[in-house]
Amino acid sequence: MAEYDLAVRGGQVATGFGTVRCDIGVKDGRIVALAERIADAARVIEADGLLVLPGGVDSHCHIEEPSRGGYVGAGEGEPQVTVNEESFATASASAFAGGTTSVVCFIPQWKGFGIWERYVDYRARAAKGMLDHSFHQIISDPTDAVMEEEVPRVVAEGVRSLKVFLTYEPLHLSDAQFLRVLTKARELGCLVTVHCENYAAISWRTAELLKHGMAAPKYHAWSRPPIVEREATHRAIALAELVDQPIQVFHVSCAEAAEEIARGQARGVKVWGETCPQYVALTAADMDRPGFEGAKFMCSPSPRTTEEHARIWEMIRRGTLDVVSSDHCAFSYEGDKGKRQNGTGAVFRDIPNGIPGFAARLPIMFSEGVSKGRITLDEFVRLTSTNPARLMGLAPRKGIIAVGADADLALWDPKKKVTITNALMQHAIDYTPYEGMEVTGWPVATIRRGEVVMRDGKVQAEPGTGRFLPRGPYDMIRPRGVVPDGFDPAPPASR
């Protein structure tokens, strides 16, 4: 019997902390050897001329997420739900096509309802996919029952992060509600992730724009300028600092918000910043297209300007923004679940927000970052794999090429030029906002736990083979033990 199940030979292995030419030996889905030469393996993949990267970790994506609606009937007295178009099966295919092997996605909560039933339902949905997966729990209604009974229950199941919105109807929380979530997260040893935009300011500005007849998709950007993101980011950090609760600010689109994160970090606050490919590849001008076409590029926060792209890259190089996710939140252009669900004459306020991005995430960041000299290969690996795995408590199992880690790998041709098309994305959505964009650097094979799940664009994983990744307590998100005046009304429980 061969010593190893799989050997990946001859590649340049990028660890995020240096690159070395070596072979990788895999046994029982784990990396068990890094050596100059591995000869005794049942299967061999030759990687000469290729980079071998850790499989991508996408820590912010929306998959098969139920929302309240009218498409699918639930039991009597229960809410009607609609499920977005991207199933765990199609999401897995798209992620593998782009070199990603693990995700952290979202369990919803609806106002007036609890979270436990949604957790059970979502675990069952995710089990049908092929991606290894963990969850954030959205909190939109922090009632006594939810916070004191149900949140501890889902945390005990391995959900180690709570997601809150400071904008959107009906998801946004008041400051008092946000403080309640922060306090409970600190008690239970969770990370809090935050969508930072000012709800009242956006509502006011939206009403004023519509009053003046400014209703086309391009005015989506006008309704939420950088100042509303900056203000909410400042407020979120201040309240987290008051409670001594670690947070991550999601999808930072502008330097104004990133600077607030940098100021918090300089004070020692445990705050991390994330950005996405759309904030270095798309602009607000993309929404200024004839007719309804601009809806394809609508997401929140809004894409900004090419000048802002340069500032985001600088914040990445500084380390202020140290995670790049897809924020894949996909609606087709056509159809009754898509961008047109409220009609082609819908005002920007009534057009669903979100764009697809699973398969495009790594190629765009590699091409725009590494190939164009804006970041190093090590920085790319840390941004897209190592850092999200560490921050989400998935390390050292995920996000790194090291003995003992899962054998999650992306074999990468750094010189391959590809023009992005929707067909290459392999998602359930009928468009990609990156259609026609040429990138340099492309994954030619993806390996999940030692199994080749994509080769030359062909996905070959079996449904139901993804694994749930429960997360226990971990040091990175422990509170600092620093509170104003030393007054700590609710110290964290022993963990």
Protein backbone atom coordinates (compact mmCIF):
# COMPACT_ATOMS: atom_id res chain seq x y z
CA MET A 1 0.00 0.00 0.00
CA ALA A 2 1.25 3.46 -0.92
CA GLU A 3 2.48 5.69 1.92
CA TYR A 4 0.39 8.62 0.70
CA ASP A 5 -3.04 8.85 -0.88
CA LEU A 6 -1.97 11.80 -3.02
CA ALA A 7 1.22 13.61 -3.93
CA VAL A 8 1.23 17.08 -5.50
CA ARG A 9 4.64 17.34 -7.13
CA GLY A 10 6.87 20.05 -8.43
CA GLY A 11 4.84 23.15 -7.69
CA GLN A 12 5.86 26.42 -6.10
CA VAL A 13 4.08 26.20 -2.76
CA ALA A 14 2.84 29.56 -1.49
CA THR A 15 2.38 29.51 2.26
CA GLY A 16 1.54 33.19 2.78
CA PHE A 17 4.93 33.56 4.50
CA GLY A 18 7.21 32.61 1.63
CA THR A 19 7.24 30.36 -1.43
CA VAL A 20 9.17 27.12 -1.73
CA ARG A 21 9.39 24.44 -4.36
CA CYS A 22 8.38 21.17 -2.69
CA ASP A 23 6.09 18.18 -2.95
CA ILE A 24 3.01 17.78 -0.77
CA GLY A 25 2.00 14.42 0.65
CA VAL A 26 -1.65 13.83 1.58
CA LYS A 27 -3.14 11.07 3.73
CA ASP A 28 -6.77 10.77 4.89
CA GLY A 29 -7.59 14.25 3.64
CA ARG A 30 -4.78 15.99 5.57
CA ILE A 31 -1.36 17.28 4.62
CA VAL A 32 1.12 14.92 6.28
CA ALA A 33 4.38 15.79 4.52
CA LEU A 34 6.16 18.62 2.76
CA ALA A 35 9.31 17.25 1.17
CA GLU A 36 11.80 17.71 -1.63
CA ARG A 37 10.48 14.55 -3.24
CA ILE A 38 7.49 12.33 -2.47
CA ALA A 39 7.55 9.16 -4.52
CA ASP A 40 5.23 6.64 -2.88
CA ALA A 41 1.69 7.89 -3.54
CA ALA A 42 -1.44 6.21 -4.88
CA ARG A 43 -2.23 9.28 -7.01
CA VAL A 44 0.04 11.97 -8.36
CA ILE A 45 -0.69 15.46 -9.64
CA GLU A 46 2.17 17.14 -11.45
CA ALA A 47 2.28 20.87 -10.67
CA ASP A 48 5.41 21.93 -12.56
CA GLY A 49 5.05 25.55 -13.66
CA LEU A 50 2.13 26.12 -11.29
CA LEU A 51 1.67 27.83 -7.97
CA VAL A 52 0.15 25.71 -5.22
CA LEU A 53 -2.00 27.92 -2.97
CA PRO A 54 -4.16 27.13 0.05
CA GLY A 55 -7.77 26.65 -0.95
CA GLY A 56 -9.59 29.94 -0.72
CA VAL A 57 -11.62 30.73 2.40
CA ASP A 58 -14.60 32.99 1.67
CA SER A 59 -15.81 34.23 5.04
CA HIS A 60 -18.71 36.38 3.80
CA CYS A 61 -21.19 34.92 1.33
CA HIS A 62 -24.93 34.34 1.04
CA ILE A 63 -26.05 30.91 -0.14
CA GLU A 64 -29.56 29.44 -0.38
CA GLU A 65 -30.60 31.95 2.25
CA PRO A 66 -34.32 31.90 3.10
CA SER A 67 -36.14 35.20 3.45
CA ARG A 68 -39.73 35.97 4.22
CA GLY A 69 -41.85 35.90 1.09
CA GLY A 70 -44.48 33.88 -0.69
CA TYR A 71 -42.90 31.24 -2.88
CA VAL A 72 -42.69 28.26 -0.55
CA GLY A 73 -45.33 27.36 2.03
CA ALA A 74 -44.32 26.52 5.58
CA GLY A 75 -46.47 24.90 8.23
CA GLU A 76 -49.69 26.45 9.43
CA GLY A 77 -49.04 29.63 11.41
CA GLU A 78 -45.43 29.76 10.20
CA PRO A 79 -43.94 32.35 7.84
CA GLN A 80 -43.94 31.92 4.10
CA VAL A 81 -40.37 31.86 2.79
CA THR A 82 -38.54 32.37 -0.45
CA VAL A 83 -35.07 30.99 -1.00
CA ASN A 84 -32.55 32.85 -3.10
CA GLU A 85 -31.44 31.33 -6.37
CA GLU A 86 -27.96 30.15 -5.39
CA SER A 87 -28.23 26.67 -3.92
CA PHE A 88 -25.44 25.05 -1.95
CA ALA A 89 -24.83 22.77 -4.95
CA THR A 90 -24.42 25.61 -7.45
CA ALA A 91 -22.49 27.72 -4.95
CA SER A 92 -20.08 24.83 -4.41
CA ALA A 93 -19.49 24.47 -8.13
CA SER A 94 -18.84 28.18 -8.53
CA ALA A 95 -16.51 28.32 -5.53
CA PHE A 96 -14.50 25.32 -6.72
CA ALA A 97 -14.27 26.82 -10.22
CA GLY A 98 -12.61 29.85 -8.63
CA GLY A 99 -10.26 28.02 -6.25
CA THR A 100 -12.30 28.38 -3.02
CA THR A 101 -12.85 25.37 -0.78
CA SER A 102 -14.39 26.72 2.47
CA VAL A 103 -17.05 29.30 3.24
CA VAL A 104 -18.76 31.03 6.14
CA CYS A 105 -22.32 31.96 5.23
CA PHE A 106 -25.42 33.32 6.98
CA ILE A 107 -28.31 31.90 8.96
CA PRO A 108 -31.17 34.42 8.77
CA GLN A 109 -33.39 35.78 11.49
CA TRP A 110 -36.72 37.46 10.75
CA LYS A 111 -38.21 40.05 13.06
CA GLY A 112 -40.80 38.44 15.29
CA PHE A 113 -39.22 34.99 15.02
CA GLY A 114 -36.46 33.06 16.72
CA ILE A 115 -33.29 31.53 15.30
CA TRP A 116 -33.17 27.87 16.33
CA GLU A 117 -35.54 26.60 13.64
CA ARG A 118 -33.68 28.61 11.03
CA TYR A 119 -30.41 27.07 12.23
CA VAL A 120 -31.75 23.52 11.92
CA ASP A 121 -33.17 24.26 8.47
CA TYR A 122 -29.95 25.87 7.25
CA ARG A 123 -27.72 23.06 8.50
CA ALA A 124 -29.83 20.66 6.43
CA ARG A 125 -29.56 22.87 3.33
CA ALA A 126 -25.80 23.24 3.64
CA ALA A 127 -25.32 19.50 4.07
CA LYS A 128 -26.48 18.99 0.47
CA GLY A 129 -23.55 20.98 -0.93
CA MET A 130 -19.89 20.18 -1.52
CA LEU A 131 -18.19 23.07 0.27
CA ASP A 132 -16.82 22.82 3.77
CA HIS A 133 -18.86 25.40 5.65
CA SER A 134 -19.46 27.32 8.82
CA PHE A 135 -22.03 29.97 9.72
CA HIS A 136 -22.61 33.48 10.97
CA GLN A 137 -25.91 33.95 12.83
CA ILE A 138 -27.76 37.11 11.76
CA ILE A 139 -29.43 38.92 14.65
CA SER A 140 -32.21 41.28 13.52
CA ASP A 141 -34.50 40.99 16.57
CA PRO A 142 -32.55 40.59 19.83
CA THR A 143 -35.46 39.69 22.11
CA ASP A 144 -34.99 38.20 25.56
CA ALA A 145 -35.83 34.71 24.31
CA VAL A 146 -33.42 34.94 21.38
CA MET A 147 -30.48 36.38 23.30
CA GLU A 148 -30.80 34.42 26.53
CA GLU A 149 -32.01 31.06 25.23
CA GLU A 150 -31.42 30.57 21.52
CA VAL A 151 -28.11 32.36 20.88
CA PRO A 152 -26.28 30.30 23.55
CA ARG A 153 -27.77 27.19 21.98
CA VAL A 154 -26.49 27.89 18.45
CA VAL A 155 -23.10 28.98 19.83
CA ALA A 156 -22.85 25.63 21.60
CA GLU A 157 -23.46 24.01 18.20
CA GLY A 158 -20.35 25.73 16.80
CA VAL A 159 -21.65 29.03 15.40
CA ARG A 160 -19.03 31.47 16.69
CA SER A 161 -19.98 34.78 15.01
CA LEU A 162 -23.03 37.03 15.09
CA LYS A 163 -23.90 39.34 12.19
CA VAL A 164 -25.68 42.67 12.62
CA PHE A 165 -26.85 45.35 10.21
CA LEU A 166 -26.81 49.07 10.93
CA THR A 167 -28.92 49.63 7.81
CA TYR A 168 -31.69 47.95 5.74
CA GLU A 169 -35.33 47.52 6.54
CA PRO A 170 -36.21 45.33 8.41
CA LEU A 171 -32.75 44.16 9.50
CA HIS A 172 -31.17 47.21 11.10
CA LEU A 173 -30.58 47.45 14.83
CA SER A 174 -30.76 50.50 17.04
CA ASP A 175 -27.69 51.42 19.07
CA ALA A 176 -29.30 49.91 22.16
CA GLN A 177 -29.99 46.65 20.34
CA PHE A 178 -26.46 46.61 18.93
CA LEU A 179 -25.05 47.03 22.43
CA ARG A 180 -27.13 44.08 23.59
CA VAL A 181 -25.67 41.89 20.83
CA LEU A 182 -22.13 43.07 21.61
CA THR A 183 -22.58 42.30 25.29
CA LYS A 184 -23.98 38.82 24.69
CA ALA A 185 -21.24 38.04 22.15
CA ARG A 186 -18.61 39.02 24.71
CA GLU A 187 -20.22 36.80 27.31
CA LEU A 188 -20.29 33.81 24.95
CA GLY A 189 -16.94 34.35 23.23
CA CYS A 190 -18.21 35.25 19.77
CA LEU A 191 -17.01 37.61 17.06
CA VAL A 192 -19.50 40.26 15.90
CA THR A 193 -19.49 41.15 12.20
CA VAL A 194 -21.11 44.42 11.15
CA HIS A 195 -22.61 45.98 8.02
CA CYS A 196 -21.80 49.63 8.67
CA GLU A 197 -24.06 52.19 6.96
CA ASN A 198 -26.30 54.75 8.67
CA TYR A 199 -29.93 53.63 8.30
CA ALA A 200 -31.59 56.99 9.06
CA ALA A 201 -29.26 58.95 6.79
CA ILE A 202 -29.80 56.59 3.86
CA SER A 203 -33.58 56.62 4.38
CA TRP A 204 -33.63 60.42 4.44
CA ARG A 205 -31.40 60.80 1.40
CA THR A 206 -33.36 58.17 -0.54
CA ALA A 207 -36.64 59.98 0.12
CA GLU A 208 -35.12 63.28 -1.04
CA LEU A 209 -33.71 61.74 -4.22
CA LEU A 210 -37.04 60.14 -5.11
CA LYS A 211 -38.84 63.40 -4.36
CA HIS A 212 -36.66 65.02 -7.03
CA GLY A 213 -37.34 62.27 -9.58
CA MET A 214 -33.90 60.68 -9.20
CA ALA A 215 -34.95 57.03 -9.30
CA ALA A 216 -32.66 55.22 -11.77
CA PRO A 217 -30.13 52.59 -10.61
CA LYS A 218 -27.26 55.09 -10.70
CA TYR A 219 -28.83 56.99 -7.80
CA HIS A 220 -28.27 54.00 -5.55
CA ALA A 221 -24.72 55.32 -5.09
CA TRP A 222 -26.04 58.82 -4.37
CA SER A 223 -28.30 57.46 -1.64
CA ARG A 224 -25.39 56.06 0.38
CA PRO A 225 -22.24 58.17 -0.11
CA PRO A 226 -19.02 57.34 1.80
CA ILE A 227 -19.98 59.60 4.71
CA VAL A 228 -22.80 57.27 5.81
CA GLU A 229 -20.40 54.33 5.80
CA ARG A 230 -17.74 56.32 7.64
CA GLU A 231 -20.18 57.46 10.36
CA ALA A 232 -21.56 53.99 10.99
CA THR A 233 -18.07 52.48 11.07
CA HIS A 234 -16.98 55.05 13.64
CA ARG A 235 -20.09 54.36 15.73
CA ALA A 236 -19.75 50.58 15.53
CA ILE A 237 -16.12 50.72 16.69
CA ALA A 238 -16.93 53.16 19.50
CA LEU A 239 -19.71 50.95 20.87
CA ALA A 240 -17.57 47.83 20.55
CA GLU A 241 -14.77 49.63 22.41
CA LEU A 242 -17.22 50.62 25.13
CA VAL A 243 -18.18 46.98 25.65
CA ASP A 244 -14.70 45.53 24.93
CA GLN A 245 -16.06 43.28 22.19
CA PRO A 246 -14.03 42.31 19.08
CA ILE A 247 -15.71 43.12 15.75
CA GLN A 248 -15.08 42.82 12.03
CA VAL A 249 -16.35 45.54 9.71
CA PHE A 250 -17.66 43.94 6.54
CA HIS A 251 -17.22 45.06 2.89
CA VAL A 252 -15.35 48.34 3.37
CA SER A 253 -15.72 50.35 0.16
CA CYS A 254 -13.87 53.58 0.90
CA ALA A 255 -10.79 54.93 2.64
CA GLU A 256 -12.95 57.10 4.94
CA ALA A 257 -14.34 53.99 6.62
CA ALA A 258 -10.98 52.21 6.56
CA GLU A 259 -9.37 55.16 8.32
CA GLU A 260 -11.85 54.77 11.18
CA ILE A 261 -10.75 51.13 11.48
CA ALA A 262 -7.09 52.19 11.46
CA ARG A 263 -7.73 54.70 14.25
CA GLY A 264 -9.45 52.03 16.32
CA GLN A 265 -6.58 49.61 15.73
CA ALA A 266 -4.08 52.29 16.77
CA ARG A 267 -5.92 52.55 20.10
CA GLY A 268 -5.60 48.79 20.53
CA VAL A 269 -9.23 47.99 19.76
CA LYS A 270 -9.82 44.51 18.36
CA VAL A 271 -11.38 45.58 15.07
CA TRP A 272 -10.68 44.07 11.68
CA GLY A 273 -11.62 45.30 8.20
CA GLU A 274 -12.74 43.36 5.15
CA THR A 275 -13.16 44.45 1.55
CA CYS A 276 -14.31 42.76 -1.67
CA PRO A 277 -13.30 42.61 -5.37
CA GLN A 278 -16.15 44.93 -6.38
CA TYR A 279 -14.44 47.77 -4.50
CA VAL A 280 -11.33 47.53 -6.67
CA ALA A 281 -12.95 46.45 -9.95
CA LEU A 282 -16.37 48.18 -10.28
CA THR A 283 -17.37 51.83 -9.99
CA ALA A 284 -20.53 53.84 -9.43
CA ALA A 285 -20.40 54.71 -13.13
CA ASP A 286 -21.24 51.07 -13.93
CA MET A 287 -24.74 51.74 -12.59
CA ASP A 288 -25.18 54.65 -15.01
CA ARG A 289 -26.17 52.51 -17.99
CA PRO A 290 -29.15 52.71 -20.31
CA GLY A 291 -32.50 51.46 -19.05
CA PHE A 292 -32.33 48.91 -16.27
CA GLU A 293 -28.82 47.64 -17.06
CA GLY A 294 -27.22 49.47 -14.14
CA ALA A 295 -29.09 47.20 -11.70
CA LYS A 296 -26.55 44.46 -12.44
CA PHE A 297 -23.92 46.40 -10.48
CA MET A 298 -25.96 47.41 -7.44
CA CYS A 299 -24.63 46.29 -4.08
CA SER A 300 -24.19 47.90 -0.69
CA PRO A 301 -22.06 49.70 0.14
CA SER A 302 -22.02 51.00 -3.40
CA PRO A 303 -18.99 50.74 -5.68
CA ARG A 304 -17.16 54.08 -5.65
CA THR A 305 -14.63 55.59 -8.10
CA THR A 306 -11.38 54.51 -9.72
CA GLU A 307 -9.62 56.96 -7.39
CA GLU A 308 -11.14 55.12 -4.43
CA HIS A 309 -9.77 51.84 -5.82
CA ALA A 310 -6.24 53.15 -5.32
CA ARG A 311 -7.04 54.14 -1.75
CA ILE A 312 -8.49 50.69 -0.99
CA TRP A 313 -5.32 49.04 -2.32
CA GLU A 314 -3.27 51.27 -0.03
CA MET A 315 -5.40 50.24 2.96
CA ILE A 316 -4.82 46.60 1.98
CA ARG A 317 -1.06 47.12 1.81
CA ARG A 318 -1.13 48.84 5.21
CA GLY A 319 -2.94 45.84 6.69
CA THR A 320 -5.96 47.87 7.78
CA LEU A 321 -8.07 45.76 5.42
CA ASP A 322 -6.73 42.24 5.88
CA VAL A 323 -9.53 40.02 4.49
CA VAL A 324 -11.06 39.93 1.00
CA SER A 325 -14.39 38.11 0.71
CA SER A 326 -16.81 37.85 -2.21
CA ASP A 327 -19.95 39.04 -0.40
CA HIS A 328 -21.64 36.82 -2.97
CA CYS A 329 -25.29 37.89 -2.66
CA ALA A 330 -26.72 36.96 -5.99
CA PHE A 331 -29.89 37.92 -7.86
CA SER A 332 -30.33 37.13 -11.54
CA TYR A 333 -31.04 39.97 -13.94
CA GLU A 334 -34.20 38.29 -15.20
CA GLY A 335 -36.95 36.40 -13.37
CA ASP A 336 -39.32 36.93 -10.46
CA LYS A 337 -36.60 36.35 -7.84
CA GLY A 338 -34.06 38.57 -9.53
CA LYS A 339 -33.23 42.23 -9.98
CA ARG A 340 -36.49 42.73 -11.91
CA GLN A 341 -38.75 41.23 -9.22
CA ASN A 342 -40.41 44.62 -8.67
CA GLY A 343 -40.54 45.46 -12.37
CA THR A 344 -38.16 47.11 -14.81
CA GLY A 345 -39.52 50.47 -13.78
CA ALA A 346 -38.68 49.95 -10.10
CA VAL A 347 -36.95 52.84 -8.36
CA PHE A 348 -33.44 52.11 -7.08
CA ARG A 349 -34.77 51.67 -3.52
CA ASP A 350 -36.83 48.66 -4.64
CA ILE A 351 -34.15 46.83 -6.65
CA PRO A 352 -32.50 43.95 -4.76
CA ASN A 353 -28.96 44.71 -3.64
CA GLY A 354 -26.16 42.27 -4.26
CA ILE A 355 -23.95 40.79 -6.96
CA PRO A 356 -22.48 37.34 -7.67
CA GLY A 357 -18.78 36.85 -7.04
CA PHE A 358 -17.75 33.36 -5.90
CA ALA A 359 -15.66 32.25 -8.87
CA ALA A 360 -14.41 35.75 -9.68
CA ARG A 361 -13.00 36.60 -6.24
CA LEU A 362 -9.58 34.96 -6.41
CA PRO A 363 -8.85 35.59 -10.12
CA ILE A 364 -9.71 39.30 -9.86
CA MET A 365 -7.65 39.83 -6.71
CA PHE A 366 -4.71 37.88 -8.14
CA SER A 367 -4.83 39.71 -11.46
CA GLU A 368 -5.44 43.20 -10.11
CA GLY A 369 -3.18 42.63 -7.10
CA VAL A 370 -0.32 40.23 -7.77
CA SER A 371 -0.10 40.37 -11.58
CA LYS A 372 -0.17 44.18 -11.57
CA GLY A 373 2.30 44.50 -8.71
CA ARG A 374 -0.04 46.08 -6.16
CA ILE A 375 0.46 43.29 -3.60
CA THR A 376 2.78 40.33 -3.20
CA LEU A 377 1.83 36.69 -3.62
CA ASP A 378 2.16 36.24 0.14
CA GLU A 379 -0.24 39.12 0.76
CA PHE A 380 -2.72 37.60 -1.68
CA VAL A 381 -2.64 34.25 0.14
CA ARG A 382 -3.12 35.89 3.52
CA LEU A 383 -5.98 38.13 2.30
CA THR A 384 -7.99 35.39 0.64
CA SER A 385 -7.25 32.34 2.75
CA THR A 386 -4.98 32.55 5.80
CA ASN A 387 -6.43 35.67 7.45
CA PRO A 388 -10.13 34.76 7.07
CA ALA A 389 -9.40 31.27 8.41
CA ARG A 390 -7.61 32.70 11.46
CA LEU A 391 -10.21 35.38 12.18
CA MET A 392 -13.08 32.91 11.89
CA GLY A 393 -11.45 30.30 14.13
CA LEU A 394 -10.88 27.82 11.29
CA ALA A 395 -7.09 27.83 11.58
CA PRO A 396 -4.88 25.85 11.56
CA ARG A 397 -7.19 23.38 9.84
CA LYS A 398 -7.98 25.76 6.98
CA GLY A 399 -6.20 28.58 5.17
CA ILE A 400 -2.63 27.33 5.22
CA ILE A 401 -0.37 24.72 3.62
CA ALA A 402 1.23 23.00 6.60
CA VAL A 403 1.50 19.54 8.09
CA GLY A 404 -1.74 18.76 9.89
CA ALA A 405 -3.92 21.11 7.86
CA ASP A 406 -6.71 19.88 5.61
CA ALA A 407 -5.41 19.22 2.11
CA ASP A 408 -7.31 22.13 0.57
CA LEU A 409 -5.30 23.39 -2.40
CA ALA A 410 -5.68 25.52 -5.51
CA LEU A 411 -3.28 24.85 -8.36
CA TRP A 412 -2.77 28.17 -10.06
CA ASP A 413 -1.40 29.12 -13.47
CA PRO A 414 -0.04 32.62 -12.82
CA LYS A 415 0.41 33.44 -16.50
CA LYS A 416 -2.88 32.17 -17.90
CA LYS A 417 -4.98 34.96 -19.41
CA VAL A 418 -8.74 34.48 -19.23
CA THR A 419 -11.64 36.70 -20.27
CA ILE A 420 -14.35 36.34 -17.65
CA THR A 421 -17.74 35.16 -18.94
CA ASN A 422 -20.83 34.13 -17.06
CA ALA A 423 -20.43 30.53 -18.19
CA LEU A 424 -17.04 30.33 -16.47
CA MET A 425 -18.59 31.39 -13.17
CA GLN A 426 -20.71 28.19 -12.94
CA HIS A 427 -23.23 29.82 -10.58
CA ALA A 428 -27.03 29.80 -10.78
CA ILE A 429 -27.17 33.47 -11.77
CA ASP A 430 -27.74 34.65 -15.35
CA TYR A 431 -24.98 37.28 -15.42
CA THR A 432 -21.67 38.34 -13.92
CA PRO A 433 -20.85 42.03 -13.38
CA TYR A 434 -17.30 41.19 -14.51
CA GLU A 435 -18.33 40.03 -18.01
CA GLY A 436 -15.52 40.73 -20.49
CA MET A 437 -12.87 41.56 -17.89
CA GLU A 438 -9.49 40.02 -18.75
CA VAL A 439 -7.52 38.57 -15.87
CA THR A 440 -4.01 37.14 -15.64
CA GLY A 441 -3.80 34.13 -13.36
CA TRP A 442 -6.37 31.34 -13.11
CA PRO A 443 -6.99 28.15 -11.06
CA VAL A 444 -6.55 24.99 -13.11
CA ALA A 445 -7.41 22.55 -10.31
CA THR A 446 -9.01 22.71 -6.88
CA ILE A 447 -8.46 20.07 -4.20
CA ARG A 448 -10.70 19.76 -1.13
CA ARG A 449 -9.44 17.50 1.65
CA GLY A 450 -7.25 15.60 -0.80
CA GLU A 451 -9.97 15.12 -3.43
CA VAL A 452 -9.76 16.84 -6.81
CA VAL A 453 -13.07 18.69 -7.00
CA MET A 454 -12.30 20.82 -10.07
CA ARG A 455 -9.91 20.29 -12.95
CA ASP A 456 -9.64 22.47 -16.04
CA GLY A 457 -12.96 24.09 -15.24
CA LYS A 458 -14.86 20.83 -14.76
CA VAL A 459 -16.34 20.39 -11.29
CA GLN A 460 -16.44 16.76 -10.20
CA ALA A 461 -17.43 16.75 -6.53
CA GLU A 462 -20.43 14.80 -5.29
CA PRO A 463 -23.38 16.55 -3.59
CA GLY A 464 -23.44 16.07 0.15
CA THR A 465 -19.66 15.78 0.56
CA GLY A 466 -19.14 19.17 2.21
CA ARG A 467 -18.52 19.20 5.95
CA PHE A 468 -19.80 21.47 8.69
CA LEU A 469 -16.98 23.26 10.50
CA PRO A 470 -18.01 23.93 14.12
CA ARG A 471 -15.95 26.61 15.83
CA GLY A 472 -15.07 26.63 19.48
CA PRO A 473 -13.53 29.47 21.51
CA TYR A 474 -10.22 30.86 20.22
CA ASP A 475 -7.75 33.44 21.46
CA MET A 476 -7.88 35.86 18.56
CA ILE A 477 -11.33 37.13 19.53
CA ARG A 478 -10.90 37.19 23.30
CA PRO A 479 -11.75 40.60 24.81
CA ARG A 480 -8.74 42.72 25.79
CA GLY A 481 -9.96 43.34 29.32
CA VAL A 482 -9.92 47.11 28.76
CA VAL A 483 -13.09 49.11 29.47
CA PRO A 484 -13.66 52.83 30.17
CA ASP A 485 -12.96 53.73 33.82
CA GLY A 486 -12.41 50.05 34.55
CA PHE A 487 -16.17 49.60 34.91
CA ASP A 488 -17.19 46.19 33.59
CA PRO A 489 -20.86 45.46 34.38
CA ALA A 490 -20.83 42.12 32.56
CA PRO A 491 -17.42 40.43 32.47
CA PRO A 492 -17.10 37.60 29.95
CA ALA A 493 -17.73 34.11 31.19
CA SER A 494 -14.75 31.81 31.59
CA ARG A 495 -14.05 30.18 28.24
